[in-house]
Amino acid sequence: MQVYQQNRGGFSFDNCKRNAALSQDKKLDLPKTKKTGTTIVGIVYKNGVVLGADTRATEGPIVADKNCEKIHKISDKIWCCGAGTAADTENITGLIESQLELHRLATGKEPRVVTALTRLKQRLFQYQGYISAALVLGGVDSEGGHVYTVWPHGSTDRLPYATMGSGSLAAMAVFEAGYKDGLDEKEAMNLVDQAIQAGIWNDLGSGSNVDIMVIDKKTGPKMYRNYKELNKRTFHAPGLYKFPKGTTALKAEAEARFAKVSVKTMEVE
C-alpha cells in the first residue's frame, strides 16, 4: 500500500498549499500567469462546424499580445478554441493532439470528436481545475459535426452553438438572436463573425482581430486568420521610437567589457 501511494502519479497539491501559505503571510509575491481574457465560440451548420476567436492576450491590465492565436489543432478535422491561461490552453491541446495522432496510427482510422473530448475532460478532471483551460471543441467525424464545451474542472456540454471566455455573454446574445437549424457555411461564418465582434466591442479582455476556422465534412478545414481586423492602430507619431546614442547609461565596468570585444575573421581554404 505504501509503495502504491508513493508511485500513484497524478497531481501533487503540496506546493499549492505551500504557495498559499507563503502568499498569505506576505513572504512571497507569487508570479502572475499570462491569461487570455477571451471570446471563443463554436456553431454547427449543415455541412460541418465553424469556430471563432478573438486575438487579444492580456496580462492583468496590459495587452500582452495583439494577435494571439487561440484556435488550436487537435487533428485534421478536430480543432479547439482555448480560453484561460495561455500556456495551459496551448499545452493541453498539444498533448491531446499527440495522443490522437498515436491513436490514429494504432487504429488506422481517423479519430472521432468524442475521443478528443474524453481525453481532454479526463486530463482536466485529474488536475481538479489547476489547469486553467476552458475550451470550445469542434470537429467533424463519421457521425457529423459536433461542438462541445469543456470546463477547467472537466465538465462538458454538447450544444449546437457555444460560447466561452470573458466575452461569452455578448457572443451568446448574438447566437441566441440569429441561430437557426440548417445554416449554410456563409450564414454560419457571418454569425460567428458577429458573435466575436460583440465580445471584442463589449469586453475589455477581448479585442484586436477575428479568427475563424471552418471544418467542412467534404472539403476539410479552412483557416481564416485575421478574418476581420477591428482594432488597427491609426496614428504613429513620427520618430517616436528613435533614441539618440547615449540614452541608456552604462556602468564603467560594462563599457570596459564591451571595449574588449573584437571580431576576428578566419580564412577558409
C-alpha atoms as a PDB file:
ATOM      1  CA  MET A   1       0.000   0.000   0.000  1.00  0.00           C
ATOM      2  CA  GLN A   2       2.865   2.390   0.838  1.00  0.00           C
ATOM      3  CA  VAL A   3       4.545   1.669  -2.497  1.00  0.00           C
ATOM      4  CA  TYR A   4       1.269   2.394  -4.293  1.00  0.00           C
ATOM      5  CA  GLN A   5       0.872   5.724  -2.501  1.00  0.00           C
ATOM      6  CA  GLN A   6       4.441   6.735  -3.327  1.00  0.00           C
ATOM      7  CA  ASN A   7       4.099   5.965  -7.032  1.00  0.00           C
ATOM      8  CA  ARG A   8       0.481   6.711  -7.726  1.00  0.00           C
ATOM      9  CA  GLY A   9       1.262   9.702 -10.005  1.00  0.00           C
ATOM     10  CA  GLY A  10      -1.260  12.438 -10.704  1.00  0.00           C
ATOM     11  CA  PHE A  11      -1.107  15.983  -9.391  1.00  0.00           C
ATOM     12  CA  SER A  12       0.535  16.828  -6.066  1.00  0.00           C
ATOM     13  CA  PHE A  13      -1.157  19.634  -4.150  1.00  0.00           C
ATOM     14  CA  ASP A  14       1.726  20.079  -1.677  1.00  0.00           C
ATOM     15  CA  ASN A  15       3.214  23.060  -3.500  1.00  0.00           C
ATOM     16  CA  CYS A  16      -0.222  24.665  -3.867  1.00  0.00           C
ATOM     17  CA  LYS A  17      -0.708  24.613  -0.096  1.00  0.00           C
ATOM     18  CA  ARG A  18       2.844  25.861   0.433  1.00  0.00           C
ATOM     19  CA  ASN A  19       2.405  28.750  -2.023  1.00  0.00           C
ATOM     20  CA  ALA A  20      -0.924  29.716  -0.466  1.00  0.00           C
ATOM     21  CA  ALA A  21       0.680  29.845   2.992  1.00  0.00           C
ATOM     22  CA  LEU A  22       3.623  31.921   1.774  1.00  0.00           C
ATOM     23  CA  SER A  23       1.343  34.305  -0.070  1.00  0.00           C
ATOM     24  CA  GLN A  24      -0.951  34.689   2.943  1.00  0.00           C
ATOM     25  CA  ASP A  25       1.976  35.575   5.223  1.00  0.00           C
ATOM     26  CA  LYS A  26       3.235  38.036   2.567  1.00  0.00           C
ATOM     27  CA  LYS A  27       6.591  36.288   2.477  1.00  0.00           C
ATOM     28  CA  LEU A  28       6.350  35.691  -1.257  1.00  0.00           C
ATOM     29  CA  ASP A  29       4.787  37.535  -4.172  1.00  0.00           C
ATOM     30  CA  LEU A  30       3.580  34.796  -6.469  1.00  0.00           C
ATOM     31  CA  PRO A  31       4.199  35.350 -10.203  1.00  0.00           C
ATOM     32  CA  LYS A  32       1.176  36.302 -12.243  1.00  0.00           C
ATOM     33  CA  THR A  33       0.175  33.988 -15.054  1.00  0.00           C
ATOM     34  CA  LYS A  34      -0.500  35.228 -18.563  1.00  0.00           C
ATOM     35  CA  LYS A  35      -4.211  34.855 -19.207  1.00  0.00           C
ATOM     36  CA  THR A  36      -6.368  35.328 -22.255  1.00  0.00           C
ATOM     37  CA  GLY A  37      -9.410  37.436 -21.487  1.00  0.00           C
ATOM     38  CA  THR A  38     -11.185  35.871 -24.392  1.00  0.00           C
ATOM     39  CA  THR A  39     -14.217  35.427 -26.605  1.00  0.00           C
ATOM     40  CA  ILE A  40     -14.371  31.971 -28.216  1.00  0.00           C
ATOM     41  CA  VAL A  41     -17.362  30.424 -29.985  1.00  0.00           C
ATOM     42  CA  GLY A  42     -18.431  27.400 -31.999  1.00  0.00           C
ATOM     43  CA  ILE A  43     -21.503  26.615 -34.098  1.00  0.00           C
ATOM     44  CA  VAL A  44     -22.767  23.604 -36.049  1.00  0.00           C
ATOM     45  CA  TYR A  45     -24.021  24.164 -39.604  1.00  0.00           C
ATOM     46  CA  LYS A  46     -25.434  21.666 -42.079  1.00  0.00           C
ATOM     47  CA  ASN A  47     -22.067  20.554 -43.532  1.00  0.00           C
ATOM     48  CA  GLY A  48     -19.786  20.908 -40.544  1.00  0.00           C
ATOM     49  CA  VAL A  49     -18.617  23.266 -37.810  1.00  0.00           C
ATOM     50  CA  VAL A  50     -17.421  26.881 -37.620  1.00  0.00           C
ATOM     51  CA  LEU A  51     -15.173  28.010 -34.741  1.00  0.00           C
ATOM     52  CA  GLY A  52     -14.191  31.595 -33.935  1.00  0.00           C
ATOM     53  CA  ALA A  53     -11.932  33.513 -31.551  1.00  0.00           C
ATOM     54  CA  ASP A  54     -10.551  36.966 -30.900  1.00  0.00           C
ATOM     55  CA  THR A  55      -6.775  37.550 -30.801  1.00  0.00           C
ATOM     56  CA  ARG A  56      -6.096  39.611 -27.643  1.00  0.00           C
ATOM     57  CA  ALA A  57      -3.983  38.121 -24.852  1.00  0.00           C
ATOM     58  CA  THR A  58      -3.924  40.077 -21.601  1.00  0.00           C
ATOM     59  CA  GLU A  59      -1.608  40.069 -18.599  1.00  0.00           C
ATOM     60  CA  GLY A  60      -3.604  41.813 -15.904  1.00  0.00           C
ATOM     61  CA  PRO A  61      -4.473  45.284 -17.280  1.00  0.00           C
ATOM     62  CA  ILE A  62      -1.800  45.011 -20.009  1.00  0.00           C
ATOM     63  CA  VAL A  63      -2.403  43.776 -23.571  1.00  0.00           C
ATOM     64  CA  ALA A  64       0.464  41.283 -23.852  1.00  0.00           C
ATOM     65  CA  ASP A  65      -0.233  40.119 -27.414  1.00  0.00           C
ATOM     66  CA  LYS A  66      -2.461  41.780 -30.007  1.00  0.00           C
ATOM     67  CA  ASN A  67      -2.505  38.860 -32.427  1.00  0.00           C
ATOM     68  CA  CYS A  68      -2.552  35.727 -30.272  1.00  0.00           C
ATOM     69  CA  GLU A  69      -3.733  32.543 -31.986  1.00  0.00           C
ATOM     70  CA  LYS A  70      -6.407  30.841 -29.872  1.00  0.00           C
ATOM     71  CA  ILE A  71      -7.634  28.164 -32.293  1.00  0.00           C
ATOM     72  CA  HIS A  72      -5.528  25.023 -31.843  1.00  0.00           C
ATOM     73  CA  LYS A  73      -5.285  21.899 -33.973  1.00  0.00           C
ATOM     74  CA  ILE A  74      -6.221  18.559 -32.402  1.00  0.00           C
ATOM     75  CA  SER A  75      -6.380  16.590 -35.670  1.00  0.00           C
ATOM     76  CA  ASP A  76      -7.132  17.376 -39.314  1.00  0.00           C
ATOM     77  CA  LYS A  77     -10.875  17.680 -38.700  1.00  0.00           C
ATOM     78  CA  ILE A  78     -10.926  18.409 -34.957  1.00  0.00           C
ATOM     79  CA  TRP A  79      -9.923  21.855 -33.688  1.00  0.00           C
ATOM     80  CA  CYS A  80     -10.199  23.569 -30.319  1.00  0.00           C
ATOM     81  CA  CYS A  81     -10.558  27.172 -29.112  1.00  0.00           C
ATOM     82  CA  GLY A  82      -8.937  27.956 -25.782  1.00  0.00           C
ATOM     83  CA  ALA A  83      -9.676  30.490 -23.031  1.00  0.00           C
ATOM     84  CA  GLY A  84      -7.907  30.851 -19.692  1.00  0.00           C
ATOM     85  CA  THR A  85      -4.163  30.729 -19.111  1.00  0.00           C
ATOM     86  CA  ALA A  86      -2.395  30.853 -22.475  1.00  0.00           C
ATOM     87  CA  ALA A  87       0.294  28.314 -21.547  1.00  0.00           C
ATOM     88  CA  ASP A  88      -2.301  25.845 -20.222  1.00  0.00           C
ATOM     89  CA  THR A  89      -4.518  26.010 -23.317  1.00  0.00           C
ATOM     90  CA  GLU A  90      -1.574  25.551 -25.692  1.00  0.00           C
ATOM     91  CA  ASN A  91      -0.029  22.669 -23.764  1.00  0.00           C
ATOM     92  CA  ILE A  92      -3.219  20.710 -23.054  1.00  0.00           C
ATOM     93  CA  THR A  93      -4.313  20.884 -26.704  1.00  0.00           C
ATOM     94  CA  GLY A  94      -0.805  19.947 -27.889  1.00  0.00           C
ATOM     95  CA  LEU A  95      -0.799  16.939 -25.560  1.00  0.00           C
ATOM     96  CA  ILE A  96      -4.173  15.676 -26.795  1.00  0.00           C
ATOM     97  CA  GLU A  97      -3.099  16.274 -30.409  1.00  0.00           C
ATOM     98  CA  SER A  98      -0.108  13.949 -29.935  1.00  0.00           C
ATOM     99  CA  GLN A  99      -2.256  11.327 -28.203  1.00  0.00           C
ATOM    100  CA  LEU A 100      -4.837  11.334 -31.008  1.00  0.00           C
ATOM    101  CA  GLU A 101      -2.125  11.036 -33.649  1.00  0.00           C
ATOM    102  CA  LEU A 102      -0.787   7.933 -31.886  1.00  0.00           C
ATOM    103  CA  HIS A 103      -4.371   6.655 -31.672  1.00  0.00           C
ATOM    104  CA  ARG A 104      -4.831   7.198 -35.419  1.00  0.00           C
ATOM    105  CA  LEU A 105      -1.609   5.356 -36.237  1.00  0.00           C
ATOM    106  CA  ALA A 106      -2.524   2.455 -33.934  1.00  0.00           C
ATOM    107  CA  THR A 107      -6.088   2.009 -35.218  1.00  0.00           C
ATOM    108  CA  GLY A 108      -5.669   3.100 -38.837  1.00  0.00           C
ATOM    109  CA  LYS A 109      -8.811   5.253 -38.512  1.00  0.00           C
ATOM    110  CA  GLU A 110      -9.489   8.960 -38.165  1.00  0.00           C
ATOM    111  CA  PRO A 111     -10.282   9.875 -34.522  1.00  0.00           C
ATOM    112  CA  ARG A 112     -13.800  10.824 -33.509  1.00  0.00           C
ATOM    113  CA  VAL A 113     -14.579  14.113 -31.808  1.00  0.00           C
ATOM    114  CA  VAL A 114     -15.869  12.319 -28.707  1.00  0.00           C
ATOM    115  CA  THR A 115     -12.461  10.634 -28.340  1.00  0.00           C
ATOM    116  CA  ALA A 116     -10.763  14.030 -28.133  1.00  0.00           C
ATOM    117  CA  LEU A 117     -13.475  15.192 -25.714  1.00  0.00           C
ATOM    118  CA  THR A 118     -12.974  12.196 -23.414  1.00  0.00           C
ATOM    119  CA  ARG A 119      -9.201  12.596 -23.284  1.00  0.00           C
ATOM    120  CA  LEU A 120      -9.491  16.340 -22.605  1.00  0.00           C
ATOM    121  CA  LYS A 121     -12.031  16.059 -19.806  1.00  0.00           C
ATOM    122  CA  GLN A 122     -10.228  13.163 -18.116  1.00  0.00           C
ATOM    123  CA  ARG A 123      -6.953  15.083 -18.126  1.00  0.00           C
ATOM    124  CA  LEU A 124      -8.555  18.278 -16.801  1.00  0.00           C
ATOM    125  CA  PHE A 125     -10.538  16.441 -14.108  1.00  0.00           C
ATOM    126  CA  GLN A 126      -7.320  14.758 -12.932  1.00  0.00           C
ATOM    127  CA  TYR A 127      -5.889  18.184 -12.087  1.00  0.00           C
ATOM    128  CA  GLN A 128      -9.055  19.485 -10.369  1.00  0.00           C
ATOM    129  CA  GLY A 129      -9.160  22.828 -12.171  1.00  0.00           C
ATOM    130  CA  TYR A 130      -5.492  23.738 -11.682  1.00  0.00           C
ATOM    131  CA  ILE A 131      -5.083  23.582 -15.469  1.00  0.00           C
ATOM    132  CA  SER A 132      -6.799  26.853 -16.344  1.00  0.00           C
ATOM    133  CA  ALA A 133      -8.171  25.861 -19.743  1.00  0.00           C
ATOM    134  CA  ALA A 134     -11.772  26.496 -20.807  1.00  0.00           C
ATOM    135  CA  LEU A 135     -12.263  25.047 -24.272  1.00  0.00           C
ATOM    136  CA  VAL A 136     -14.707  25.006 -27.161  1.00  0.00           C
ATOM    137  CA  LEU A 137     -14.056  21.779 -29.048  1.00  0.00           C
ATOM    138  CA  GLY A 138     -15.406  21.400 -32.574  1.00  0.00           C
ATOM    139  CA  GLY A 139     -14.965  18.896 -35.338  1.00  0.00           C
ATOM    140  CA  VAL A 140     -16.415  16.585 -37.943  1.00  0.00           C
ATOM    141  CA  ASP A 141     -16.351  12.779 -37.975  1.00  0.00           C
ATOM    142  CA  SER A 142     -18.404   9.891 -39.364  1.00  0.00           C
ATOM    143  CA  GLU A 143     -21.424  10.998 -37.311  1.00  0.00           C
ATOM    144  CA  GLY A 144     -21.414  14.629 -38.492  1.00  0.00           C
ATOM    145  CA  GLY A 145     -20.438  17.925 -36.895  1.00  0.00           C
ATOM    146  CA  HIS A 146     -20.059  18.368 -33.140  1.00  0.00           C
ATOM    147  CA  VAL A 147     -19.443  21.290 -30.775  1.00  0.00           C
ATOM    148  CA  TYR A 148     -18.588  20.734 -27.112  1.00  0.00           C
ATOM    149  CA  THR A 149     -17.644  22.989 -24.218  1.00  0.00           C
ATOM    150  CA  VAL A 150     -15.004  21.710 -21.791  1.00  0.00           C
ATOM    151  CA  TRP A 151     -14.625  23.452 -18.439  1.00  0.00           C
ATOM    152  CA  PRO A 152     -11.364  23.556 -16.423  1.00  0.00           C
ATOM    153  CA  HIS A 153     -12.663  21.028 -13.873  1.00  0.00           C
ATOM    154  CA  GLY A 154     -13.577  18.524 -16.614  1.00  0.00           C
ATOM    155  CA  SER A 155     -17.335  19.045 -17.006  1.00  0.00           C
ATOM    156  CA  THR A 156     -18.614  19.111 -20.596  1.00  0.00           C
ATOM    157  CA  ASP A 157     -21.667  20.052 -22.663  1.00  0.00           C
ATOM    158  CA  ARG A 158     -22.725  19.122 -26.196  1.00  0.00           C
ATOM    159  CA  LEU A 159     -24.525  22.018 -27.883  1.00  0.00           C
ATOM    160  CA  PRO A 160     -25.496  23.250 -31.366  1.00  0.00           C
ATOM    161  CA  TYR A 161     -23.705  26.514 -30.548  1.00  0.00           C
ATOM    162  CA  ALA A 162     -21.461  27.503 -27.661  1.00  0.00           C
ATOM    163  CA  THR A 163     -19.524  30.470 -26.287  1.00  0.00           C
ATOM    164  CA  MET A 164     -16.862  30.728 -23.579  1.00  0.00           C
ATOM    165  CA  GLY A 165     -14.497  33.295 -22.130  1.00  0.00           C
ATOM    166  CA  SER A 166     -14.942  36.732 -20.606  1.00  0.00           C
ATOM    167  CA  GLY A 167     -16.869  37.936 -23.674  1.00  0.00           C
ATOM    168  CA  SER A 168     -19.118  34.875 -23.851  1.00  0.00           C
ATOM    169  CA  LEU A 169     -22.325  36.620 -22.746  1.00  0.00           C
ATOM    170  CA  ALA A 170     -22.151  39.221 -25.515  1.00  0.00           C
ATOM    171  CA  ALA A 171     -21.397  36.486 -28.061  1.00  0.00           C
ATOM    172  CA  MET A 172     -24.227  34.286 -26.777  1.00  0.00           C
ATOM    173  CA  ALA A 173     -26.688  37.146 -27.220  1.00  0.00           C
ATOM    174  CA  VAL A 174     -25.818  37.199 -30.941  1.00  0.00           C
ATOM    175  CA  PHE A 175     -26.169  33.422 -31.239  1.00  0.00           C
ATOM    176  CA  GLU A 176     -29.497  33.362 -29.405  1.00  0.00           C
ATOM    177  CA  ALA A 177     -30.878  36.019 -31.739  1.00  0.00           C
ATOM    178  CA  GLY A 178     -29.529  34.650 -35.035  1.00  0.00           C
ATOM    179  CA  TYR A 179     -29.186  30.866 -34.799  1.00  0.00           C
ATOM    180  CA  LYS A 180     -31.438  28.534 -36.781  1.00  0.00           C
ATOM    181  CA  ASP A 181     -31.242  24.911 -37.897  1.00  0.00           C
ATOM    182  CA  GLY A 182     -29.737  24.193 -41.301  1.00  0.00           C
ATOM    183  CA  LEU A 183     -27.407  27.178 -41.595  1.00  0.00           C
ATOM    184  CA  ASP A 184     -25.156  27.170 -44.650  1.00  0.00           C
ATOM    185  CA  GLU A 185     -21.430  27.925 -44.441  1.00  0.00           C
ATOM    186  CA  LYS A 186     -21.699  31.630 -45.269  1.00  0.00           C
ATOM    187  CA  GLU A 187     -24.513  32.215 -42.766  1.00  0.00           C
ATOM    188  CA  ALA A 188     -22.593  30.363 -40.043  1.00  0.00           C
ATOM    189  CA  MET A 189     -19.416  32.353 -40.718  1.00  0.00           C
ATOM    190  CA  ASN A 190     -21.316  35.650 -40.590  1.00  0.00           C
ATOM    191  CA  LEU A 191     -22.955  34.685 -37.303  1.00  0.00           C
ATOM    192  CA  VAL A 192     -19.606  33.657 -35.766  1.00  0.00           C
ATOM    193  CA  ASP A 193     -18.053  36.904 -37.007  1.00  0.00           C
ATOM    194  CA  GLN A 194     -20.830  38.968 -35.395  1.00  0.00           C
ATOM    195  CA  ALA A 195     -20.545  36.997 -32.142  1.00  0.00           C
ATOM    196  CA  ILE A 196     -16.775  37.545 -31.858  1.00  0.00           C
ATOM    197  CA  GLN A 197     -17.197  41.226 -32.709  1.00  0.00           C
ATOM    198  CA  ALA A 198     -19.800  41.526 -29.931  1.00  0.00           C
ATOM    199  CA  GLY A 199     -17.217  40.152 -27.493  1.00  0.00           C
ATOM    200  CA  ILE A 200     -14.479  42.431 -28.828  1.00  0.00           C
ATOM    201  CA  TRP A 201     -16.546  45.624 -28.528  1.00  0.00           C
ATOM    202  CA  ASN A 202     -18.214  44.795 -25.191  1.00  0.00           C
ATOM    203  CA  ASP A 203     -15.453  43.042 -23.234  1.00  0.00           C
ATOM    204  CA  LEU A 204     -12.150  44.694 -22.269  1.00  0.00           C
ATOM    205  CA  GLY A 205     -10.385  41.323 -22.140  1.00  0.00           C
ATOM    206  CA  SER A 206     -11.215  40.604 -25.799  1.00  0.00           C
ATOM    207  CA  GLY A 207     -10.008  42.585 -28.755  1.00  0.00           C
ATOM    208  CA  SER A 208      -7.923  43.014 -31.909  1.00  0.00           C
ATOM    209  CA  ASN A 209      -8.904  40.644 -34.726  1.00  0.00           C
ATOM    210  CA  VAL A 210     -11.377  37.885 -35.602  1.00  0.00           C
ATOM    211  CA  ASP A 211     -10.064  34.386 -36.397  1.00  0.00           C
ATOM    212  CA  ILE A 212     -12.419  31.843 -37.986  1.00  0.00           C
ATOM    213  CA  MET A 213     -11.953  28.117 -38.625  1.00  0.00           C
ATOM    214  CA  VAL A 214     -14.389  26.303 -40.924  1.00  0.00           C
ATOM    215  CA  ILE A 215     -14.352  22.492 -40.725  1.00  0.00           C
ATOM    216  CA  ASP A 216     -16.381  21.021 -43.603  1.00  0.00           C
ATOM    217  CA  LYS A 217     -17.022  17.277 -43.766  1.00  0.00           C
ATOM    218  CA  LYS A 218     -16.241  17.237 -47.506  1.00  0.00           C
ATOM    219  CA  THR A 219     -13.546  19.870 -48.072  1.00  0.00           C
ATOM    220  CA  GLY A 220     -11.847  19.703 -44.671  1.00  0.00           C
ATOM    221  CA  PRO A 221     -10.539  22.580 -42.533  1.00  0.00           C
ATOM    222  CA  LYS A 222     -10.139  26.160 -43.771  1.00  0.00           C
ATOM    223  CA  MET A 223      -8.442  28.696 -41.513  1.00  0.00           C
ATOM    224  CA  TYR A 224      -9.314  32.377 -41.918  1.00  0.00           C
ATOM    225  CA  ARG A 225      -6.558  34.038 -39.903  1.00  0.00           C
ATOM    226  CA  ASN A 226      -7.347  37.716 -39.172  1.00  0.00           C
ATOM    227  CA  TYR A 227     -10.692  37.409 -40.958  1.00  0.00           C
ATOM    228  CA  LYS A 228     -11.531  40.885 -39.616  1.00  0.00           C
ATOM    229  CA  GLU A 229      -9.023  43.425 -38.253  1.00  0.00           C
ATOM    230  CA  LEU A 230     -11.042  45.648 -35.955  1.00  0.00           C
ATOM    231  CA  ASN A 231      -8.539  47.455 -33.744  1.00  0.00           C
ATOM    232  CA  LYS A 232      -5.916  48.736 -36.165  1.00  0.00           C
ATOM    233  CA  ARG A 233      -3.555  51.396 -34.884  1.00  0.00           C
ATOM    234  CA  THR A 234      -4.391  54.558 -36.786  1.00  0.00           C
ATOM    235  CA  PHE A 235      -1.746  57.019 -35.536  1.00  0.00           C
ATOM    236  CA  HIS A 236       2.035  56.561 -35.477  1.00  0.00           C
ATOM    237  CA  ALA A 237       3.999  59.520 -34.108  1.00  0.00           C
ATOM    238  CA  PRO A 238       6.974  60.269 -36.379  1.00  0.00           C
ATOM    239  CA  GLY A 239      10.313  59.420 -34.787  1.00  0.00           C
ATOM    240  CA  LEU A 240       8.640  58.155 -31.610  1.00  0.00           C
ATOM    241  CA  TYR A 241      10.988  55.205 -31.117  1.00  0.00           C
ATOM    242  CA  LYS A 242      14.281  56.810 -32.240  1.00  0.00           C
ATOM    243  CA  PHE A 243      16.589  57.248 -29.272  1.00  0.00           C
ATOM    244  CA  PRO A 244      19.883  59.184 -29.520  1.00  0.00           C
ATOM    245  CA  LYS A 245      23.146  57.435 -28.744  1.00  0.00           C
ATOM    246  CA  GLY A 246      23.925  57.551 -25.037  1.00  0.00           C
ATOM    247  CA  THR A 247      20.300  57.444 -23.888  1.00  0.00           C
ATOM    248  CA  THR A 248      20.929  54.225 -21.945  1.00  0.00           C
ATOM    249  CA  ALA A 249      23.537  54.736 -19.231  1.00  0.00           C
ATOM    250  CA  LEU A 250      26.308  52.139 -18.889  1.00  0.00           C
ATOM    251  CA  LYS A 251      28.462  51.454 -15.889  1.00  0.00           C
ATOM    252  CA  ALA A 252      32.230  51.857 -16.268  1.00  0.00           C
ATOM    253  CA  GLU A 253      32.863  48.110 -15.972  1.00  0.00           C
ATOM    254  CA  ALA A 254      30.308  47.397 -18.700  1.00  0.00           C
ATOM    255  CA  GLU A 255      31.993  49.885 -21.046  1.00  0.00           C
ATOM    256  CA  ALA A 256      35.370  48.279 -20.355  1.00  0.00           C
ATOM    257  CA  ARG A 257      33.961  44.804 -21.017  1.00  0.00           C
ATOM    258  CA  PHE A 258      32.371  45.811 -24.312  1.00  0.00           C
ATOM    259  CA  ALA A 259      35.579  47.598 -25.391  1.00  0.00           C
ATOM    260  CA  LYS A 260      37.484  44.311 -25.198  1.00  0.00           C
ATOM    261  CA  VAL A 261      35.126  42.552 -27.606  1.00  0.00           C
ATOM    262  CA  SER A 262      36.700  42.101 -31.013  1.00  0.00           C
ATOM    263  CA  VAL A 263      35.703  40.241 -34.148  1.00  0.00           C
ATOM    264  CA  LYS A 264      38.287  38.137 -35.966  1.00  0.00           C
ATOM    265  CA  THR A 265      37.905  36.737 -39.446  1.00  0.00           C
ATOM    266  CA  MET A 266      39.315  33.356 -40.348  1.00  0.00           C
ATOM    267  CA  GLU A 267      40.245  32.333 -43.858  1.00  0.00           C
ATOM    268  CA  VAL A 268      38.868  29.001 -45.025  1.00  0.00           C
ATOM    269  CA  GLU A 269      40.737  27.075 -47.679  1.00  0.00           C
END
